[in-house]
Amino acid sequence: MVMVNDCRAYAEKLQGVIETINFNKVVIDDSQIAKDLDKIKKSDNHMLYVLIPSSNNEGGDDSLLKNNEMLFMILNKTSNKISHDEFLDVMQETQETVKAIEYQLHNDKDEQCGFMRWFKGMTIKIDPIWDYASCHGWTIAFSMKSNV
């Protein structure tokens, strides 16, 4: 299964290579994010949250692997009083960060011993987030294999 410390290290790596990410945190679910957002400053935008994945067994007894359901959230905290054009600007900016993350996921798949070596690129699903605790942005969901 994907280990918590691997999630931490990968979130740090993404923040290090994608300059628009100014904050990252690994959490268990979105209720932790909502509590966290009170402390977030505008300078922390764009925020990357990596949710600890759920996993299930896959394969046979002699070739058992875990299938891990990963979820990343890219959020930008705004005021509740932004115009529609400002909202669209936030969505465009965070979408560019999402695109950079997706590119990095595919690049990291090529590392033979790296964290993303069993990443399944065809499983990526990207969805917009609107007004989640005064944040807008995107989710990136995907599956990846790992050892049991």
C-alpha atoms as a PDB file:
ATOM      1  CA  MET A   1       0.000   0.000   0.000  1.00  0.00           C
ATOM      2  CA  VAL A   2       1.052   3.597  -0.428  1.00  0.00           C
ATOM      3  CA  MET A   3       2.671   4.696   2.806  1.00  0.00           C
ATOM      4  CA  VAL A   4       1.908   8.018   4.496  1.00  0.00           C
ATOM      5  CA  ASN A   5       5.556   9.093   4.404  1.00  0.00           C
ATOM      6  CA  ASP A   6       5.636   8.438   0.644  1.00  0.00           C
ATOM      7  CA  CYS A   7       2.666  10.792   0.278  1.00  0.00           C
ATOM      8  CA  ARG A   8       4.476  13.413   2.361  1.00  0.00           C
ATOM      9  CA  ALA A   9       7.646  13.138   0.338  1.00  0.00           C
ATOM     10  CA  TYR A  10       5.787  13.338  -2.968  1.00  0.00           C
ATOM     11  CA  ALA A  11       3.798  16.411  -1.858  1.00  0.00           C
ATOM     12  CA  GLU A  12       7.118  18.069  -0.927  1.00  0.00           C
ATOM     13  CA  LYS A  13       8.599  17.086  -4.279  1.00  0.00           C
ATOM     14  CA  LEU A  14       5.652  18.571  -6.178  1.00  0.00           C
ATOM     15  CA  GLN A  15       5.925  21.810  -4.221  1.00  0.00           C
ATOM     16  CA  GLY A  16       9.636  21.889  -4.988  1.00  0.00           C
ATOM     17  CA  VAL A  17       9.255  21.495  -8.757  1.00  0.00           C
ATOM     18  CA  ILE A  18       6.020  23.439  -9.343  1.00  0.00           C
ATOM     19  CA  GLU A  19       6.591  27.028  -8.334  1.00  0.00           C
ATOM     20  CA  THR A  20       2.894  27.945  -8.080  1.00  0.00           C
ATOM     21  CA  ILE A  21       2.426  25.549  -5.134  1.00  0.00           C
ATOM     22  CA  ASN A  22       3.174  27.465  -1.920  1.00  0.00           C
ATOM     23  CA  PHE A  23       1.739  25.046   0.646  1.00  0.00           C
ATOM     24  CA  ASN A  24       1.266  21.288   0.921  1.00  0.00           C
ATOM     25  CA  LYS A  25      -0.211  18.973   3.500  1.00  0.00           C
ATOM     26  CA  VAL A  26      -1.165  15.287   3.737  1.00  0.00           C
ATOM     27  CA  VAL A  27      -4.562  14.695   5.360  1.00  0.00           C
ATOM     28  CA  ILE A  28      -6.972  11.832   5.964  1.00  0.00           C
ATOM     29  CA  ASP A  29     -10.065  13.515   4.507  1.00  0.00           C
ATOM     30  CA  ASP A  30     -11.541  16.854   3.533  1.00  0.00           C
ATOM     31  CA  SER A  31     -12.803  17.619   7.064  1.00  0.00           C
ATOM     32  CA  GLN A  32      -9.166  18.201   8.066  1.00  0.00           C
ATOM     33  CA  ILE A  33      -8.798  20.635   5.185  1.00  0.00           C
ATOM     34  CA  ALA A  34     -11.824  22.680   6.256  1.00  0.00           C
ATOM     35  CA  LYS A  35     -10.374  23.024   9.775  1.00  0.00           C
ATOM     36  CA  ASP A  36      -6.991  23.986   8.352  1.00  0.00           C
ATOM     37  CA  LEU A  37      -8.268  26.767   6.114  1.00  0.00           C
ATOM     38  CA  ASP A  38      -8.840  29.208   8.972  1.00  0.00           C
ATOM     39  CA  LYS A  39      -5.055  29.430   9.370  1.00  0.00           C
ATOM     40  CA  ILE A  40      -4.297  29.720   5.653  1.00  0.00           C
ATOM     41  CA  LYS A  41      -3.108  33.067   4.286  1.00  0.00           C
ATOM     42  CA  LYS A  42      -3.423  34.349   0.729  1.00  0.00           C
ATOM     43  CA  SER A  43       0.352  33.878   0.373  1.00  0.00           C
ATOM     44  CA  ASP A  44      -0.189  30.105   0.816  1.00  0.00           C
ATOM     45  CA  ASN A  45      -2.069  29.878  -2.505  1.00  0.00           C
ATOM     46  CA  HIS A  46      -1.921  27.511  -4.412  1.00  0.00           C
ATOM     47  CA  MET A  47      -2.389  24.826  -1.793  1.00  0.00           C
ATOM     48  CA  LEU A  48      -1.785  21.148  -2.481  1.00  0.00           C
ATOM     49  CA  TYR A  49      -3.585  18.678  -0.257  1.00  0.00           C
ATOM     50  CA  VAL A  50      -2.805  14.984  -0.666  1.00  0.00           C
ATOM     51  CA  LEU A  51      -5.381  12.677   0.872  1.00  0.00           C
ATOM     52  CA  ILE A  52      -4.120   9.422   2.354  1.00  0.00           C
ATOM     53  CA  PRO A  53      -5.287   6.835  -0.178  1.00  0.00           C
ATOM     54  CA  SER A  54      -7.682   3.978   0.266  1.00  0.00           C
ATOM     55  CA  SER A  55      -6.497   0.662  -1.129  1.00  0.00           C
ATOM     56  CA  ASN A  56      -7.742  -2.781  -2.008  1.00  0.00           C
ATOM     57  CA  ASN A  57      -6.092  -6.034  -3.054  1.00  0.00           C
ATOM     58  CA  GLU A  58      -5.835  -6.919  -6.718  1.00  0.00           C
ATOM     59  CA  GLY A  59      -4.422  -9.896  -8.603  1.00  0.00           C
ATOM     60  CA  GLY A  60      -4.007 -13.459  -7.403  1.00  0.00           C
ATOM     61  CA  ASP A  61      -2.459 -15.099  -4.371  1.00  0.00           C
ATOM     62  CA  ASP A  62       0.846 -15.473  -6.224  1.00  0.00           C
ATOM     63  CA  SER A  63       0.827 -11.937  -7.693  1.00  0.00           C
ATOM     64  CA  LEU A  64      -0.938  -9.797  -5.111  1.00  0.00           C
ATOM     65  CA  LEU A  65      -0.771  -5.995  -5.450  1.00  0.00           C
ATOM     66  CA  LYS A  66      -2.632  -3.100  -3.887  1.00  0.00           C
ATOM     67  CA  ASN A  67      -4.723  -0.738  -5.978  1.00  0.00           C
ATOM     68  CA  ASN A  68      -4.551   2.686  -4.323  1.00  0.00           C
ATOM     69  CA  GLU A  69      -7.117   5.410  -4.973  1.00  0.00           C
ATOM     70  CA  MET A  70      -5.230   8.706  -4.811  1.00  0.00           C
ATOM     71  CA  LEU A  71      -6.735  12.195  -4.483  1.00  0.00           C
ATOM     72  CA  PHE A  72      -4.926  15.520  -4.727  1.00  0.00           C
ATOM     73  CA  MET A  73      -6.681  18.844  -4.204  1.00  0.00           C
ATOM     74  CA  ILE A  74      -5.341  22.130  -5.564  1.00  0.00           C
ATOM     75  CA  LEU A  75      -7.065  24.989  -3.786  1.00  0.00           C
ATOM     76  CA  ASN A  76      -6.906  28.757  -3.878  1.00  0.00           C
ATOM     77  CA  LYS A  77      -8.454  30.588  -0.932  1.00  0.00           C
ATOM     78  CA  THR A  78     -10.369  33.708  -1.936  1.00  0.00           C
ATOM     79  CA  SER A  79     -12.826  36.085  -0.385  1.00  0.00           C
ATOM     80  CA  ASN A  80     -16.505  35.355  -0.830  1.00  0.00           C
ATOM     81  CA  LYS A  81     -16.916  38.602  -2.713  1.00  0.00           C
ATOM     82  CA  ILE A  82     -14.991  37.982  -5.904  1.00  0.00           C
ATOM     83  CA  SER A  83     -16.544  38.733  -9.279  1.00  0.00           C
ATOM     84  CA  HIS A  84     -17.305  36.053 -11.831  1.00  0.00           C
ATOM     85  CA  ASP A  85     -14.290  37.134 -13.904  1.00  0.00           C
ATOM     86  CA  GLU A  86     -12.044  36.900 -10.829  1.00  0.00           C
ATOM     87  CA  PHE A  87     -13.466  33.435 -10.162  1.00  0.00           C
ATOM     88  CA  LEU A  88     -12.651  32.378 -13.728  1.00  0.00           C
ATOM     89  CA  ASP A  89      -9.128  33.775 -13.308  1.00  0.00           C
ATOM     90  CA  VAL A  90      -8.651  31.646 -10.167  1.00  0.00           C
ATOM     91  CA  MET A  91      -9.932  28.592 -12.017  1.00  0.00           C
ATOM     92  CA  GLN A  92      -7.537  29.254 -14.918  1.00  0.00           C
ATOM     93  CA  GLU A  93      -4.554  29.752 -12.596  1.00  0.00           C
ATOM     94  CA  THR A  94      -5.257  26.633 -10.545  1.00  0.00           C
ATOM     95  CA  GLN A  95      -5.935  24.679 -13.739  1.00  0.00           C
ATOM     96  CA  GLU A  96      -2.429  25.554 -14.927  1.00  0.00           C
ATOM     97  CA  THR A  97      -1.052  24.145 -11.654  1.00  0.00           C
ATOM     98  CA  VAL A  98      -3.125  20.987 -12.154  1.00  0.00           C
ATOM     99  CA  LYS A  99      -1.737  20.639 -15.662  1.00  0.00           C
ATOM    100  CA  ALA A 100       1.810  20.926 -14.280  1.00  0.00           C
ATOM    101  CA  ILE A 101       1.053  18.258 -11.658  1.00  0.00           C
ATOM    102  CA  GLU A 102      -0.361  15.900 -14.276  1.00  0.00           C
ATOM    103  CA  TYR A 103       2.739  16.413 -16.409  1.00  0.00           C
ATOM    104  CA  GLN A 104       4.950  15.657 -13.374  1.00  0.00           C
ATOM    105  CA  LEU A 105       2.970  12.493 -12.561  1.00  0.00           C
ATOM    106  CA  HIS A 106       3.586  11.167 -16.071  1.00  0.00           C
ATOM    107  CA  ASN A 107       7.288  12.129 -15.933  1.00  0.00           C
ATOM    108  CA  ASP A 108       7.772  10.447 -12.563  1.00  0.00           C
ATOM    109  CA  LYS A 109       6.212   7.216 -13.848  1.00  0.00           C
ATOM    110  CA  ASP A 110       9.381   6.672 -15.861  1.00  0.00           C
ATOM    111  CA  GLU A 111      11.541   6.404 -12.720  1.00  0.00           C
ATOM    112  CA  GLN A 112      11.980   2.641 -12.334  1.00  0.00           C
ATOM    113  CA  CYS A 113      12.194   2.696  -8.538  1.00  0.00           C
ATOM    114  CA  GLY A 114      10.289   5.899  -7.865  1.00  0.00           C
ATOM    115  CA  PHE A 115       7.079   6.442  -5.966  1.00  0.00           C
ATOM    116  CA  MET A 116       4.981   6.807  -9.139  1.00  0.00           C
ATOM    117  CA  ARG A 117       6.342   3.747 -11.009  1.00  0.00           C
ATOM    118  CA  TRP A 118       2.923   2.014 -10.930  1.00  0.00           C
ATOM    119  CA  PHE A 119       0.909   5.125 -11.671  1.00  0.00           C
ATOM    120  CA  LYS A 120      -1.936   4.364 -14.105  1.00  0.00           C
ATOM    121  CA  GLY A 121      -2.142   7.508 -16.260  1.00  0.00           C
ATOM    122  CA  MET A 122      -5.369   6.495 -17.979  1.00  0.00           C
ATOM    123  CA  THR A 123      -7.215   6.618 -14.646  1.00  0.00           C
ATOM    124  CA  ILE A 124      -6.731  10.360 -14.062  1.00  0.00           C
ATOM    125  CA  LYS A 125      -9.949  12.259 -13.435  1.00  0.00           C
ATOM    126  CA  ILE A 126      -9.825  16.021 -12.899  1.00  0.00           C
ATOM    127  CA  ASP A 127     -12.827  17.886 -11.501  1.00  0.00           C
ATOM    128  CA  PRO A 128     -13.399  21.543 -10.604  1.00  0.00           C
ATOM    129  CA  ILE A 129     -14.117  22.632  -7.016  1.00  0.00           C
ATOM    130  CA  TRP A 130     -16.302  25.652  -6.404  1.00  0.00           C
ATOM    131  CA  ASP A 131     -16.709  27.471  -3.091  1.00  0.00           C
ATOM    132  CA  TYR A 132     -15.282  24.787  -0.847  1.00  0.00           C
ATOM    133  CA  ALA A 133     -14.703  26.669   2.439  1.00  0.00           C
ATOM    134  CA  SER A 134     -14.050  29.883   0.474  1.00  0.00           C
ATOM    135  CA  CYS A 135     -11.706  28.035  -1.910  1.00  0.00           C
ATOM    136  CA  HIS A 136     -11.851  27.244  -5.591  1.00  0.00           C
ATOM    137  CA  GLY A 137      -9.703  24.837  -7.555  1.00  0.00           C
ATOM    138  CA  TRP A 138      -9.516  21.263  -8.744  1.00  0.00           C
ATOM    139  CA  THR A 139      -9.236  17.663  -7.652  1.00  0.00           C
ATOM    140  CA  ILE A 140      -6.964  15.147  -9.338  1.00  0.00           C
ATOM    141  CA  ALA A 141      -8.038  11.541  -8.721  1.00  0.00           C
ATOM    142  CA  PHE A 142      -6.140   8.534 -10.061  1.00  0.00           C
ATOM    143  CA  SER A 143      -5.223   4.945  -9.319  1.00  0.00           C
ATOM    144  CA  MET A 144      -1.825   3.473  -8.794  1.00  0.00           C
ATOM    145  CA  LYS A 145      -0.524   0.059  -7.879  1.00  0.00           C
ATOM    146  CA  SER A 146       1.851  -0.738  -5.031  1.00  0.00           C
ATOM    147  CA  ASN A 147       3.246  -3.696  -3.167  1.00  0.00           C
ATOM    148  CA  VAL A 148       1.101  -5.251  -0.479  1.00  0.00           C
END
